[in-house]
C-alpha atoms as a PDB file:
ATOM      1  CA  ILE A   1       0.000   0.000   0.000  1.00  0.00           C
ATOM      2  CA  GLN A   2       2.876   2.338   0.711  1.00  0.00           C
ATOM      3  CA  HIS A   3       3.878   2.332  -2.969  1.00  0.00           C
ATOM      4  CA  TYR A   4       0.410   3.294  -4.235  1.00  0.00           C
ATOM      5  CA  THR A   5       0.129   6.565  -6.148  1.00  0.00           C
ATOM      6  CA  ILE A   6      -2.612   8.591  -7.824  1.00  0.00           C
ATOM      7  CA  ASN A   7      -2.100   6.321 -10.848  1.00  0.00           C
ATOM      8  CA  THR A   8      -2.705   3.110  -8.922  1.00  0.00           C
ATOM      9  CA  THR A   9      -5.672   1.277 -10.346  1.00  0.00           C
ATOM     10  CA  LEU A  10      -8.248  -0.952  -8.730  1.00  0.00           C
ATOM     11  CA  GLY A  11      -6.740  -3.856 -10.646  1.00  0.00           C
ATOM     12  CA  ASP A  12      -3.355  -3.176  -9.012  1.00  0.00           C
ATOM     13  CA  THR A  13      -4.931  -3.212  -5.584  1.00  0.00           C
ATOM     14  CA  LEU A  14      -6.885  -6.416  -6.221  1.00  0.00           C
ATOM     15  CA  LEU A  15      -3.823  -8.172  -7.611  1.00  0.00           C
ATOM     16  CA  ASP A  16      -1.943  -7.259  -4.420  1.00  0.00           C
ATOM     17  CA  PHE A  17      -4.647  -8.664  -2.157  1.00  0.00           C
ATOM     18  CA  VAL A  18      -6.002 -11.711  -4.018  1.00  0.00           C
ATOM     19  CA  PRO A  19      -3.182 -14.004  -2.789  1.00  0.00           C
ATOM     20  CA  TYR A  20      -4.342 -13.423   0.787  1.00  0.00           C
ATOM     21  CA  PHE A  21      -7.749 -14.925  -0.026  1.00  0.00           C
ATOM     22  CA  ARG A  22      -6.108 -18.351  -0.156  1.00  0.00           C
ATOM     23  CA  MET A  23      -6.113 -18.420   3.641  1.00  0.00           C
ATOM     24  CA  TYR A  24      -9.899 -18.868   3.507  1.00  0.00           C
ATOM     25  CA  ARG A  25      -9.392 -22.509   2.525  1.00  0.00           C
ATOM     26  CA  LYS A  26      -8.745 -23.633   6.094  1.00  0.00           C
ATOM     27  CA  TYR A  27     -11.622 -21.530   7.377  1.00  0.00           C
ATOM     28  CA  VAL A  28     -14.013 -23.060   4.829  1.00  0.00           C
ATOM     29  CA  GLU A  29     -12.844 -26.563   5.729  1.00  0.00           C
ATOM     30  CA  ASN A  30     -13.489 -25.943   9.410  1.00  0.00           C
ATOM     31  CA  ALA A  31     -16.678 -23.901   9.028  1.00  0.00           C
ATOM     32  CA  GLU A  32     -18.338 -26.706   7.110  1.00  0.00           C
ATOM     33  CA  SER A  33     -17.179 -29.457   9.429  1.00  0.00           C
ATOM     34  CA  GLU A  34     -19.597 -31.655  11.326  1.00  0.00           C
ATOM     35  CA  LYS A  35     -17.890 -30.650  14.574  1.00  0.00           C
ATOM     36  CA  VAL A  36     -18.634 -26.930  14.077  1.00  0.00           C
ATOM     37  CA  ARG A  37     -22.240 -27.621  13.051  1.00  0.00           C
ATOM     38  CA  ASP A  38     -22.668 -29.782  16.138  1.00  0.00           C
ATOM     39  CA  ILE A  39     -21.269 -27.096  18.446  1.00  0.00           C
ATOM     40  CA  ILE A  40     -23.582 -24.438  16.993  1.00  0.00           C
ATOM     41  CA  LYS A  41     -26.546 -26.781  17.232  1.00  0.00           C
ATOM     42  CA  ARG A  42     -25.806 -27.507  20.888  1.00  0.00           C
ATOM     43  CA  LEU A  43     -25.315 -23.818  21.700  1.00  0.00           C
ATOM     44  CA  GLU A  44     -28.602 -22.884  20.052  1.00  0.00           C
ATOM     45  CA  SER A  45     -30.587 -25.737  21.555  1.00  0.00           C
ATOM     46  CA  LYS A  46     -29.924 -24.798  25.174  1.00  0.00           C
ATOM     47  CA  ARG A  47     -32.733 -22.500  26.195  1.00  0.00           C
ATOM     48  CA  LYS A  48     -31.030 -20.580  28.964  1.00  0.00           C
ATOM     49  CA  SER A  49     -27.340 -20.853  28.217  1.00  0.00           C
ATOM     50  CA  LYS A  50     -25.394 -17.728  29.058  1.00  0.00           C
ATOM     51  CA  PHE A  51     -23.780 -17.811  25.631  1.00  0.00           C
ATOM     52  CA  LYS A  52     -27.128 -17.921  23.862  1.00  0.00           C
ATOM     53  CA  GLN A  53     -28.462 -15.092  26.016  1.00  0.00           C
ATOM     54  CA  PHE A  54     -25.340 -13.057  25.293  1.00  0.00           C
ATOM     55  CA  CYS A  55     -25.695 -13.591  21.515  1.00  0.00           C
ATOM     56  CA  GLN A  56     -29.367 -12.616  21.598  1.00  0.00           C
ATOM     57  CA  LYS A  57     -28.603  -9.488  23.618  1.00  0.00           C
ATOM     58  CA  VAL A  58     -25.794  -8.380  21.311  1.00  0.00           C
ATOM     59  CA  CYS A  59     -27.908  -9.009  18.208  1.00  0.00           C
ATOM     60  CA  LYS A  60     -30.770  -6.941  19.604  1.00  0.00           C
ATOM     61  CA  GLU A  61     -28.571  -4.067  20.696  1.00  0.00           C
ATOM     62  CA  SER A  62     -26.442  -3.823  17.586  1.00  0.00           C
ATOM     63  CA  LYS A  63     -28.835  -5.291  15.022  1.00  0.00           C
ATOM     64  CA  CYS A  64     -26.296  -7.865  13.926  1.00  0.00           C
ATOM     65  CA  LEU A  65     -26.740 -11.238  12.321  1.00  0.00           C
ATOM     66  CA  PRO A  66     -27.102 -14.427  14.357  1.00  0.00           C
ATOM     67  CA  LEU A  67     -23.932 -16.465  14.935  1.00  0.00           C
ATOM     68  CA  PRO A  68     -24.430 -19.028  12.111  1.00  0.00           C
ATOM     69  CA  ALA A  69     -24.954 -16.203   9.611  1.00  0.00           C
ATOM     70  CA  LEU A  70     -21.838 -14.404  10.857  1.00  0.00           C
ATOM     71  CA  LEU A  71     -19.770 -17.569  10.560  1.00  0.00           C
ATOM     72  CA  ILE A  72     -20.716 -18.057   6.910  1.00  0.00           C
ATOM     73  CA  THR A  73     -19.870 -14.453   5.942  1.00  0.00           C
ATOM     74  CA  PRO A  74     -16.147 -15.060   5.215  1.00  0.00           C
ATOM     75  CA  VAL A  75     -17.082 -18.014   3.000  1.00  0.00           C
ATOM     76  CA  GLN A  76     -19.209 -15.684   0.868  1.00  0.00           C
ATOM     77  CA  ARG A  77     -16.497 -13.043   0.484  1.00  0.00           C
ATOM     78  CA  ILE A  78     -14.631 -14.479  -2.519  1.00  0.00           C
ATOM     79  CA  PRO A  79     -17.776 -14.986  -4.648  1.00  0.00           C
ATOM     80  CA  ARG A  80     -18.797 -11.413  -3.832  1.00  0.00           C
ATOM     81  CA  TYR A  81     -15.449 -10.080  -5.002  1.00  0.00           C
ATOM     82  CA  ARG A  82     -15.823 -12.106  -8.175  1.00  0.00           C
ATOM     83  CA  LEU A  83     -19.211 -10.545  -8.885  1.00  0.00           C
ATOM     84  CA  LEU A  84     -17.933  -7.071  -8.042  1.00  0.00           C
ATOM     85  CA  VAL A  85     -14.945  -7.344 -10.377  1.00  0.00           C
ATOM     86  CA  GLN A  86     -17.154  -8.742 -13.154  1.00  0.00           C
ATOM     87  CA  GLU A  87     -19.336  -5.635 -12.823  1.00  0.00           C
ATOM     88  CA  TYR A  88     -16.301  -3.339 -12.884  1.00  0.00           C
ATOM     89  CA  ILE A  89     -15.080  -5.027 -16.066  1.00  0.00           C
ATOM     90  CA  LYS A  90     -18.511  -4.755 -17.642  1.00  0.00           C
ATOM     91  CA  ASN A  91     -18.530  -1.017 -16.919  1.00  0.00           C
ATOM     92  CA  THR A  92     -14.903  -0.261 -17.810  1.00  0.00           C
ATOM     93  CA  ASN A  93     -13.855   0.753 -21.287  1.00  0.00           C
ATOM     94  CA  GLU A  94     -11.543  -1.899 -22.731  1.00  0.00           C
ATOM     95  CA  HIS A  95      -9.006   0.838 -23.581  1.00  0.00           C
ATOM     96  CA  HIS A  96      -8.832   2.033 -19.960  1.00  0.00           C
ATOM     97  CA  PRO A  97      -5.482   1.263 -18.256  1.00  0.00           C
ATOM     98  CA  ASP A  98      -7.293  -0.737 -15.568  1.00  0.00           C
ATOM     99  CA  TYR A  99      -9.184  -3.064 -17.913  1.00  0.00           C
ATOM    100  CA  GLY A 100      -6.469  -5.691 -18.408  1.00  0.00           C
ATOM    101  CA  LYS A 101      -5.547  -5.671 -14.740  1.00  0.00           C
ATOM    102  CA  LEU A 102      -9.181  -6.187 -13.768  1.00  0.00           C
ATOM    103  CA  GLU A 103      -9.396  -9.156 -16.122  1.00  0.00           C
ATOM    104  CA  THR A 104      -6.233 -10.621 -14.609  1.00  0.00           C
ATOM    105  CA  ALA A 105      -7.569 -10.021 -11.099  1.00  0.00           C
ATOM    106  CA  LEU A 106     -10.843 -11.753 -12.019  1.00  0.00           C
ATOM    107  CA  GLU A 107      -8.941 -14.800 -13.281  1.00  0.00           C
ATOM    108  CA  ARG A 108      -6.888 -14.921 -10.075  1.00  0.00           C
ATOM    109  CA  ILE A 109     -10.051 -14.611  -7.973  1.00  0.00           C
ATOM    110  CA  LYS A 110     -11.589 -17.519  -9.906  1.00  0.00           C
ATOM    111  CA  GLU A 111      -8.425 -19.598  -9.393  1.00  0.00           C
ATOM    112  CA  THR A 112      -8.437 -18.760  -5.690  1.00  0.00           C
ATOM    113  CA  ALA A 113     -12.116 -19.673  -5.367  1.00  0.00           C
ATOM    114  CA  ASN A 114     -11.372 -23.057  -6.949  1.00  0.00           C
ATOM    115  CA  PHE A 115      -8.430 -23.562  -4.591  1.00  0.00           C
ATOM    116  CA  VAL A 116     -10.500 -22.648  -1.531  1.00  0.00           C
ATOM    117  CA  ASN A 117     -13.368 -24.938  -2.558  1.00  0.00           C
ATOM    118  CA  GLU A 118     -11.203 -27.997  -3.326  1.00  0.00           C
END
C-alpha cells in the first residue's frame, strides 16, 4: 500500500490482495465441518445458556446477524469479489489502463475460489 500513487488502479490493488484470499481454505474446511455444526446446534438448543443469552442481547442491541450467519460471511467473500470485479469489467472501457488488470484479477479470484473450494 505504501507504494500506491494517484495512478494506482483498482486492478493493481486487487492483484496485491487476491493471494491473501487463499487463507480462507482452512476456514471453509473448518466452518463446514460436522464438529462446528454440532457445536452451533448444541449452543442454540440450550434455552437458557449464558452464551445464547449473550448472543441474543448483542444481536438486539447492535442489530447484527445471528452467529451461524456471521460464521458463513467469510465463506461468501470471494464470490462477492468475483461478482464485483465482473461488474467493474462490464462497466470499464476496454481501452482504460485498468481493464487488463481487472481481467487478470478476475482470473486470479476464480483460481483462488477453486483452490479454496477444493
